[in-house]
Structure formats: structure tokens, C-alpha cells
């Protein structure tokens, strides 16, 4: 692994830690990008990397994205991320989770974790046995926020797509709008259900073809192989799987007027936002549209810290601010000729004092 401070995604991160616990087999990276607004908050990713250097790249990119996401969502939290390097079999043990919880606790509250790819509510409960600096824990009462934040992320994506359709296509309704959804997990699948209720025409794709086919059958939607979804002639392309799908080749394939989805770090490099704008494709900056999940777990965490209650309605009220935030970005992009991602980055950097 090369020196992290020479990586192109290193952005004056405040703190990087590599933790290895021989007894449990834990190897993890903690990346704290900024604590200007509060503790670095961001989920833990449990993933097998064929090249371990990619784990550092993920940690750097995702932690910076969390700084921007939390700032733009108006949350009193900084940006952080943790990556646990899984073996090829994705082996995860109670001892590994305990060691990971201890490692979080040793950071002294400057990092708050939640679930991300490869992690579950049960994992968060296990980690919570070792540290209080964890959120996304199951709720114990009806209508109380807690647990899987995916539905809130999905709701934000759905609301963001509605706002993008209004801005780009001058349409107040989603009836008949063709949305191509890449990834049908908690976020993509949840957004698909909400879009379907509004009459959108959907085409779905997932690496798990059976999952995509099942959801398509439920919603009366079409489905295509995962490698074909970016080629569809549609109104909206919605990436909801892993990031960096918007590279030079991917952008050239697009036949959509709008890109709006829940995946993190959709742009492979910053210049790809300019490439989208050059093609006349409206981009919803990912860390703005997909903030529903971090809004949910942050409000849950802050309520627990203060001994108060956070209801689902409280989270939804905050998630419903996402379209207004996107509209402000797009209007400034229209007036300046810059791409929406560059506008959003500048706004976020100002908020975190950079």
C-alpha cells in the first residue's frame, strides 16, 4: 500500500489509522476527513478488495464524501469512514466485531459509525456492546427512528428524482417518466417502489438478476442485464449500486436527460461532472440526494446522546429538505455555467472551513 498522503484522493484528511488485531483477524482503516462541524460520522464498509490499496482509496473518498454530505444536509457532524478488509470468503466473527468496536472506542468519540455495505443492524448491535459511538440501532418503539437507514435514503433519492424531472424536463408529474434503475437493494428497490406509485415507467437491473426480476414482477416493470442498463434510452438513469460508474466510457453510453441516484462517488473523477454537463445531462450530486440515511442515523444518535426521542416523522421532515437543496445547486449551475458537482463541492467546502 503506497503512502496514503500521496494518493490523489487524499484531501488534507485530519486522521488516518490502520488497525490490525491478530487474535480476531481484524484489519481496518479509519479515515477522518473533517471534524470541523462535529464528530466524523459515516458508516463502516465490510468488503473484500482484490487490491488492498483500493481499501485506502475507498476510505479516503468516502470519508471526504461524508464531510460534504453531512455539511450539505445541515447536520452537526464531520466526515469519517471505516473500511474492514474482508477475506475472500467474507468471514466475519463476533471477535472481529468486538475488536472493531474497541478500536472505535479508542478514538475517543471523534468517529461515529453506522452500517454500510456488508454490515447489518445485528453488527451494529454487537459493536454497541463495546462503544457508545455507533448508530443505526434497531428502534424499540413504534414510529421511533432507528435501524436500517436505507428506506430514508430511498425516499431522498425519490424526492430528488422528482425535483430533477421538474428542473430538467419541466414536468410536475412522474407519470410515464422512464427511470432506469441500476441496483435494486434497499435504496434502489425502495426508490423503485415510490417511483412506481407515482406512475413512473421503470427498467431495473442488478448483478443479482433474480432480485431484479422479482422486483420487476412486483411492480410491473421491465428488467435488463446489469451490463445493459446504462445504454437505455430513458429520462432518468439512477445509479444505486457501487460508485465510479460515471467514467468517460460510461458517460458516452448514457441516453438519459438526468442522472440521479443513491450510489456514493458516482463520478470516477471530478472532470466527469463537466463531461455530463457538456452533454446536457443534469446531475444530482450524490452526497446531496442520498443524504437521507445519514440524516436518519445522525438524528437517532443525537437523540440517544441527549436522552430524547427521534421519531420517523422528524427524519422525514429533514429528508424533505433535499429537493430544495438540489434546486439551489442547479440554479447556480445554470447561472454560472459550472457543473452541479463543482457548485456543491464549493458550498460544502465553505461549510467545513476549507
Protein backbone atom coordinates (compact mmCIF):
# COMPACT_ATOMS: atom_id res chain seq x y z
CA UNK A 1 0.00 0.00 0.00
CA UNK A 2 1.52 3.32 -1.03
CA UNK A 3 1.73 6.29 1.35
CA UNK A 4 -1.86 7.50 1.73
CA UNK A 5 -0.84 11.17 1.66
CA UNK A 6 0.39 10.76 -1.91
CA UNK A 7 -2.94 9.32 -3.08
CA UNK A 8 -4.98 11.56 -5.43
CA UNK A 9 -7.98 11.19 -3.08
CA UNK A 10 -6.11 12.41 -0.01
CA UNK A 11 -7.64 15.81 0.79
CA UNK A 12 -5.89 17.10 3.92
CA UNK A 13 -7.59 14.37 5.95
CA UNK A 14 -7.23 15.05 9.67
CA UNK A 15 -6.51 11.48 10.69
CA UNK A 16 -5.90 8.08 9.10
CA UNK A 17 -5.48 4.94 11.20
CA UNK A 18 -4.77 1.35 10.25
CA UNK A 19 -5.82 -1.11 12.94
CA UNK A 20 -4.77 -4.76 12.97
CA UNK A 21 -5.84 -7.22 15.66
CA UNK A 22 -4.03 -10.52 15.19
CA UNK A 23 -6.24 -12.50 17.57
CA UNK A 24 -9.50 -11.76 15.73
CA UNK A 25 -8.07 -11.23 12.25
CA UNK A 26 -9.37 -7.66 12.09
CA UNK A 27 -7.71 -5.28 9.66
CA UNK A 28 -9.47 -1.94 9.37
CA UNK A 29 -8.85 1.57 8.10
CA UNK A 30 -10.33 4.65 9.78
CA UNK A 31 -10.35 7.85 7.78
CA UNK A 32 -11.38 11.15 9.36
CA UNK A 33 -11.64 13.87 6.75
CA UNK A 34 -13.01 16.74 8.83
CA UNK A 35 -14.33 17.26 12.36
CA UNK A 36 -14.97 20.97 11.81
CA UNK A 37 -18.72 20.60 12.36
CA UNK A 38 -18.62 17.72 14.83
CA UNK A 39 -17.50 14.09 15.17
CA UNK A 40 -16.70 12.38 11.91
CA UNK A 41 -19.81 10.35 11.04
CA UNK A 42 -20.02 7.70 8.37
CA UNK A 43 -20.70 4.01 8.01
CA UNK A 44 -18.41 1.02 8.06
CA UNK A 45 -17.85 -0.93 4.84
CA UNK A 46 -17.00 -4.65 5.09
CA UNK A 47 -15.56 -5.64 1.75
CA UNK A 48 -13.02 -7.90 0.08
CA UNK A 49 -10.56 -5.93 -2.03
CA UNK A 50 -8.54 -7.84 -4.61
CA UNK A 51 -6.02 -4.99 -4.30
CA UNK A 52 -5.74 -3.77 -0.67
CA UNK A 53 -4.75 -0.31 -1.92
CA UNK A 54 -8.35 0.09 -3.07
CA UNK A 55 -9.46 -0.11 0.55
CA UNK A 56 -7.49 3.06 1.28
CA UNK A 57 -8.92 4.73 -1.82
CA UNK A 58 -12.43 3.84 -0.65
CA UNK A 59 -11.78 5.15 2.86
CA UNK A 60 -10.36 8.44 1.57
CA UNK A 61 -13.07 9.08 -0.98
CA UNK A 62 -15.97 8.00 1.22
CA UNK A 63 -14.83 9.99 4.27
CA UNK A 64 -14.48 13.17 2.22
CA UNK A 65 -17.92 12.49 0.76
CA UNK A 66 -19.31 12.19 4.28
CA UNK A 67 -17.84 15.58 5.24
CA UNK A 68 -19.62 17.13 2.28
CA UNK A 69 -22.82 15.11 2.78
CA UNK A 70 -23.20 15.98 6.46
CA UNK A 71 -22.40 19.64 5.87
CA UNK A 72 -24.87 19.98 2.99
CA UNK A 73 -27.57 18.20 4.99
CA UNK A 74 -27.18 20.74 7.79
CA UNK A 75 -26.02 18.15 10.33
CA UNK A 76 -23.65 18.93 13.24
CA UNK A 77 -21.28 16.15 12.17
CA UNK A 78 -17.98 15.91 10.36
CA UNK A 79 -16.97 13.27 7.86
CA UNK A 80 -15.45 9.89 8.56
CA UNK A 81 -15.48 6.35 7.21
CA UNK A 82 -14.23 2.93 8.23
CA UNK A 83 -13.34 0.03 5.98
CA UNK A 84 -12.88 -3.50 7.27
CA UNK A 85 -10.78 -5.58 4.88
CA UNK A 86 -12.65 -8.87 4.50
CA UNK A 87 -11.07 -12.07 3.25
CA UNK A 88 -12.29 -13.68 0.03
CA UNK A 89 -14.94 -15.65 1.97
CA UNK A 90 -16.25 -12.50 3.72
CA UNK A 91 -15.55 -14.13 7.10
CA UNK A 92 -16.95 -12.05 9.96
CA UNK A 93 -16.75 -13.21 13.57
CA UNK A 94 -18.01 -11.91 16.95
CA UNK A 95 -14.37 -11.48 17.98
CA UNK A 96 -13.68 -9.32 14.93
CA UNK A 97 -16.68 -7.10 15.65
CA UNK A 98 -15.65 -6.78 19.29
CA UNK A 99 -12.13 -5.74 18.29
CA UNK A 100 -13.56 -3.26 15.83
CA UNK A 101 -15.82 -1.76 18.50
CA UNK A 102 -12.84 -1.41 20.80
CA UNK A 103 -10.90 0.35 18.04
CA UNK A 104 -13.75 2.85 17.57
CA UNK A 105 -13.90 3.45 21.31
CA UNK A 106 -10.16 4.11 21.40
CA UNK A 107 -10.71 7.02 19.02
CA UNK A 108 -12.43 8.81 21.91
CA UNK A 109 -15.65 9.85 20.21
CA UNK A 110 -14.16 11.57 17.17
CA UNK A 111 -15.72 8.92 14.90
CA UNK A 112 -19.32 7.62 14.93
CA UNK A 113 -20.11 4.58 12.82
CA UNK A 114 -23.22 3.06 11.25
CA UNK A 115 -23.90 0.31 8.77
CA UNK A 116 -22.77 0.36 5.16
CA UNK A 117 -22.06 -2.27 2.51
CA UNK A 118 -21.51 -5.66 4.13
CA UNK A 119 -22.66 -4.57 7.60
CA UNK A 120 -26.02 -5.17 9.29
CA UNK A 121 -28.15 -3.98 12.19
CA UNK A 122 -27.00 -7.06 14.10
CA UNK A 123 -23.39 -5.99 13.54
CA UNK A 124 -24.17 -2.53 14.89
CA UNK A 125 -25.71 -4.08 18.00
CA UNK A 126 -22.56 -6.16 18.51
CA UNK A 127 -20.33 -3.09 18.11
CA UNK A 128 -22.56 -1.17 20.53
CA UNK A 129 -21.58 -3.65 23.24
CA UNK A 130 -18.06 -2.18 23.07
CA UNK A 131 -18.62 1.52 22.32
CA UNK A 132 -21.42 4.12 22.50
CA UNK A 133 -20.15 5.76 19.29
CA UNK A 134 -22.42 3.79 16.99
CA UNK A 135 -25.84 4.42 15.48
CA UNK A 136 -28.32 2.73 13.16
CA UNK A 137 -29.51 0.57 16.05
CA UNK A 138 -32.96 -1.05 15.86
CA UNK A 139 -35.79 1.02 17.30
CA UNK A 140 -37.72 -0.31 20.27
CA UNK A 141 -40.95 1.64 19.84
CA UNK A 142 -43.42 2.21 17.02
CA UNK A 143 -42.70 5.25 14.84
CA UNK A 144 -39.32 5.75 16.52
CA UNK A 145 -36.36 6.25 14.17
CA UNK A 146 -33.69 3.58 14.17
CA UNK A 147 -32.37 0.56 12.35
CA UNK A 148 -31.80 0.27 8.62
CA UNK A 149 -31.41 3.81 7.18
CA UNK A 150 -31.91 2.54 3.62
CA UNK A 151 -35.61 3.50 3.37
CA UNK A 152 -34.77 7.10 4.25
CA UNK A 153 -32.02 7.17 1.63
CA UNK A 154 -34.51 5.75 -0.87
CA UNK A 155 -37.04 8.44 -0.02
CA UNK A 156 -34.45 11.17 -0.56
CA UNK A 157 -33.50 9.68 -3.93
CA UNK A 158 -37.15 9.52 -4.95
CA UNK A 159 -37.73 13.16 -3.94
CA UNK A 160 -34.52 14.17 -5.71
CA UNK A 161 -35.61 12.47 -8.93
CA UNK A 162 -38.93 14.34 -8.77
CA UNK A 163 -37.03 17.62 -8.35
CA UNK A 164 -34.69 16.78 -11.25
CA UNK A 165 -37.60 15.95 -13.55
CA UNK A 166 -39.19 19.27 -12.69
CA UNK A 167 -35.97 21.21 -13.29
CA UNK A 168 -34.75 19.46 -16.43
CA UNK A 169 -37.99 18.33 -18.11
CA UNK A 170 -40.42 20.93 -16.72
CA UNK A 171 -42.69 18.14 -15.52
CA UNK A 172 -44.52 18.22 -12.18
CA UNK A 173 -45.60 14.60 -12.52
CA UNK A 174 -43.61 11.38 -12.81
CA UNK A 175 -46.42 9.69 -14.71
CA UNK A 176 -44.84 7.99 -17.75
CA UNK A 177 -41.31 9.18 -16.92
CA UNK A 178 -38.87 6.37 -17.80
CA UNK A 179 -36.38 5.68 -14.99
CA UNK A 180 -33.58 3.14 -15.45
CA UNK A 181 -32.51 1.90 -12.01
CA UNK A 182 -29.10 0.31 -11.51
CA UNK A 183 -29.14 -1.67 -8.27
CA UNK A 184 -32.28 -2.98 -6.59
CA UNK A 185 -31.15 -3.27 -2.98
CA UNK A 186 -32.55 -1.33 -0.05
CA UNK A 187 -32.07 2.07 -1.73
CA UNK A 188 -32.68 1.28 -5.40
CA UNK A 189 -35.55 -1.05 -4.60
CA UNK A 190 -37.12 1.39 -2.17
CA UNK A 191 -36.89 4.24 -4.66
CA UNK A 192 -38.36 1.99 -7.36
CA UNK A 193 -41.44 1.30 -5.25
CA UNK A 194 -42.01 5.00 -4.56
CA UNK A 195 -41.49 5.92 -8.23
CA UNK A 196 -43.87 3.18 -9.32
CA UNK A 197 -46.59 4.57 -7.04
CA UNK A 198 -46.26 7.87 -8.94
CA UNK A 199 -46.71 6.18 -12.32
CA UNK A 200 -43.09 6.17 -13.48
CA UNK A 201 -42.12 3.58 -16.10
CA UNK A 202 -39.25 1.55 -14.68
CA UNK A 203 -36.47 -0.62 -16.05
CA UNK A 204 -34.43 -2.42 -13.41
CA UNK A 205 -31.03 -4.09 -13.33
CA UNK A 206 -28.93 -5.75 -10.66
CA UNK A 207 -25.94 -8.08 -10.57
CA UNK A 208 -28.39 -10.38 -8.78
CA UNK A 209 -30.63 -10.92 -11.78
CA UNK A 210 -33.20 -12.88 -9.77
CA UNK A 211 -33.63 -9.96 -7.37
CA UNK A 212 -34.17 -7.52 -10.27
CA UNK A 213 -36.61 -9.88 -11.97
CA UNK A 214 -38.60 -10.39 -8.76
CA UNK A 215 -38.94 -6.65 -8.13
CA UNK A 216 -39.83 -6.05 -11.77
CA UNK A 217 -42.59 -8.65 -11.45
CA UNK A 218 -43.88 -7.00 -8.28
CA UNK A 219 -44.00 -3.52 -9.84
CA UNK A 220 -44.92 -4.41 -13.42
CA UNK A 221 -41.54 -3.07 -14.56
CA UNK A 222 -39.04 -4.24 -17.16
CA UNK A 223 -35.62 -5.65 -16.29
CA UNK A 224 -32.40 -5.99 -18.26
CA UNK A 225 -28.95 -7.48 -17.62
CA UNK A 226 -26.74 -5.40 -15.35
CA UNK A 227 -24.33 -4.52 -18.16
CA UNK A 228 -27.15 -3.11 -20.34
CA UNK A 229 -28.82 -0.62 -18.00
CA UNK A 230 -26.59 2.35 -18.90
CA UNK A 231 -27.39 2.01 -22.61
CA UNK A 232 -31.14 2.50 -22.28
CA UNK A 233 -32.95 5.39 -23.91
CA UNK A 234 -34.65 6.83 -20.83
CA UNK A 235 -35.44 10.06 -19.00
CA UNK A 236 -33.53 9.28 -15.80
CA UNK A 237 -30.58 6.99 -15.13
CA UNK A 238 -30.48 6.20 -11.41
CA UNK A 239 -27.26 4.55 -10.17
CA UNK A 240 -27.85 2.85 -6.82
CA UNK A 241 -25.03 0.29 -6.65
CA UNK A 242 -21.29 0.91 -6.13
CA UNK A 243 -19.57 4.09 -7.28
CA UNK A 244 -17.42 5.37 -10.16
CA UNK A 245 -19.87 4.26 -12.86
CA UNK A 246 -19.71 7.72 -14.46
CA UNK A 247 -16.35 7.49 -16.18
CA UNK A 248 -15.58 8.53 -19.75
CA UNK A 249 -16.89 5.30 -21.24
CA UNK A 250 -19.99 5.19 -19.04
CA UNK A 251 -20.97 8.79 -19.78
CA UNK A 252 -20.60 8.17 -23.52
CA UNK A 253 -23.10 5.30 -23.22
CA UNK A 254 -25.81 7.32 -21.49
CA UNK A 255 -29.02 8.16 -23.32
CA UNK A 256 -30.67 9.90 -20.37
CA UNK A 257 -31.51 13.53 -19.65
CA UNK A 258 -30.87 13.14 -15.91
CA UNK A 259 -28.54 11.18 -13.62
CA UNK A 260 -29.93 10.92 -10.09
CA UNK A 261 -29.29 8.02 -7.75
CA UNK A 262 -28.15 6.87 -4.35
CA UNK A 263 -24.71 5.40 -5.05
CA UNK A 264 -21.74 7.14 -3.44
CA UNK A 265 -18.95 8.67 -5.56
CA UNK A 266 -20.71 8.17 -8.88
CA UNK A 267 -18.20 10.36 -10.74
CA UNK A 268 -14.97 8.46 -11.37
CA UNK A 269 -13.04 11.75 -11.40
CA UNK A 270 -14.07 15.41 -10.94
CA UNK A 271 -13.82 16.15 -14.66
CA UNK A 272 -16.60 13.68 -15.37
CA UNK A 273 -19.12 16.13 -13.91
CA UNK A 274 -18.02 18.57 -16.60
CA UNK A 275 -18.47 15.82 -19.19
CA UNK A 276 -22.06 15.27 -18.10
CA UNK A 277 -22.79 18.99 -18.32
CA UNK A 278 -21.19 19.16 -21.77
CA UNK A 279 -23.66 16.52 -22.92
CA UNK A 280 -26.60 18.43 -21.43
CA UNK A 281 -27.25 15.78 -18.76
CA UNK A 282 -28.45 17.10 -15.39
CA UNK A 283 -26.53 15.55 -12.48
CA UNK A 284 -27.81 15.32 -8.91
CA UNK A 285 -24.67 15.41 -6.72
CA UNK A 286 -24.73 12.06 -4.97
CA UNK A 287 -23.89 13.21 -1.47
CA UNK A 288 -26.81 15.66 -1.58
CA UNK A 289 -29.51 13.38 -2.99
CA UNK A 290 -28.52 10.33 -0.94
CA UNK A 291 -28.31 12.07 2.46
CA UNK A 292 -31.50 10.50 3.83
CA UNK A 293 -29.67 7.66 5.53
CA UNK A 294 -27.10 9.78 7.34
CA UNK A 295 -29.87 12.18 8.36
CA UNK A 296 -31.71 9.25 9.95
CA UNK A 297 -28.78 7.77 11.86
CA UNK A 298 -27.47 11.18 12.94
CA UNK A 299 -30.79 12.32 14.37
CA UNK A 300 -31.09 8.93 16.08
CA UNK A 301 -27.57 9.26 17.55
CA UNK A 302 -28.08 12.84 18.74
CA UNK A 303 -31.39 11.91 20.37
CA UNK A 304 -29.78 8.98 22.17
CA UNK A 305 -26.89 11.18 23.35
CA UNK A 306 -29.31 13.76 24.76
CA UNK A 307 -31.76 11.24 26.20
CA UNK A 308 -34.59 12.37 23.91
CA UNK A 309 -36.68 10.61 21.28
CA UNK A 310 -36.37 10.85 17.49
CA UNK A 311 -39.46 9.90 15.51
CA UNK A 312 -39.70 8.78 11.90
CA UNK A 313 -41.63 11.98 11.20
CA UNK A 314 -38.66 14.04 12.43
CA UNK A 315 -36.36 12.27 9.97
CA UNK A 316 -38.80 12.59 7.07
CA UNK A 317 -39.15 16.33 7.68
CA UNK A 318 -35.38 16.71 7.35
CA UNK A 319 -35.22 14.43 4.28
CA UNK A 320 -37.86 16.57 2.58
CA UNK A 321 -35.36 19.44 2.51
CA UNK A 322 -33.24 17.58 -0.08
CA UNK A 323 -35.13 18.78 -3.22
CA UNK A 324 -34.79 22.44 -2.21
CA UNK A 325 -31.05 21.95 -1.69
CA UNK A 326 -30.68 20.32 -5.11
CA UNK A 327 -32.71 23.07 -6.78
CA UNK A 328 -30.39 25.73 -5.33
CA UNK A 329 -27.36 23.88 -6.72
CA UNK A 330 -28.90 23.50 -10.17
CA UNK A 331 -29.98 27.13 -10.37
CA UNK A 332 -26.45 28.30 -9.52
CA UNK A 333 -25.02 25.85 -12.05
CA UNK A 334 -27.34 27.27 -14.71
CA UNK A 335 -26.35 30.84 -13.90
CA UNK A 336 -22.59 30.20 -13.74
CA UNK A 337 -22.14 27.52 -16.40
CA UNK A 338 -20.37 25.24 -13.93
CA UNK A 339 -21.29 21.63 -13.30
CA UNK A 340 -23.59 20.91 -10.31
CA UNK A 341 -20.97 18.77 -8.58
CA UNK A 342 -18.45 21.63 -8.58
CA UNK A 343 -21.10 24.00 -7.19
CA UNK A 344 -21.99 21.51 -4.45
CA UNK A 345 -18.32 20.91 -3.61
CA UNK A 346 -17.69 24.62 -3.19
CA UNK A 347 -20.75 25.03 -0.95
CA UNK A 348 -19.66 22.08 1.19
CA UNK A 349 -16.05 23.28 1.43
CA UNK A 350 -17.23 26.67 2.65
CA UNK A 351 -19.34 24.98 5.31
CA UNK A 352 -16.41 22.93 6.65
CA UNK A 353 -14.00 25.86 6.57
CA UNK A 354 -11.88 24.82 3.60
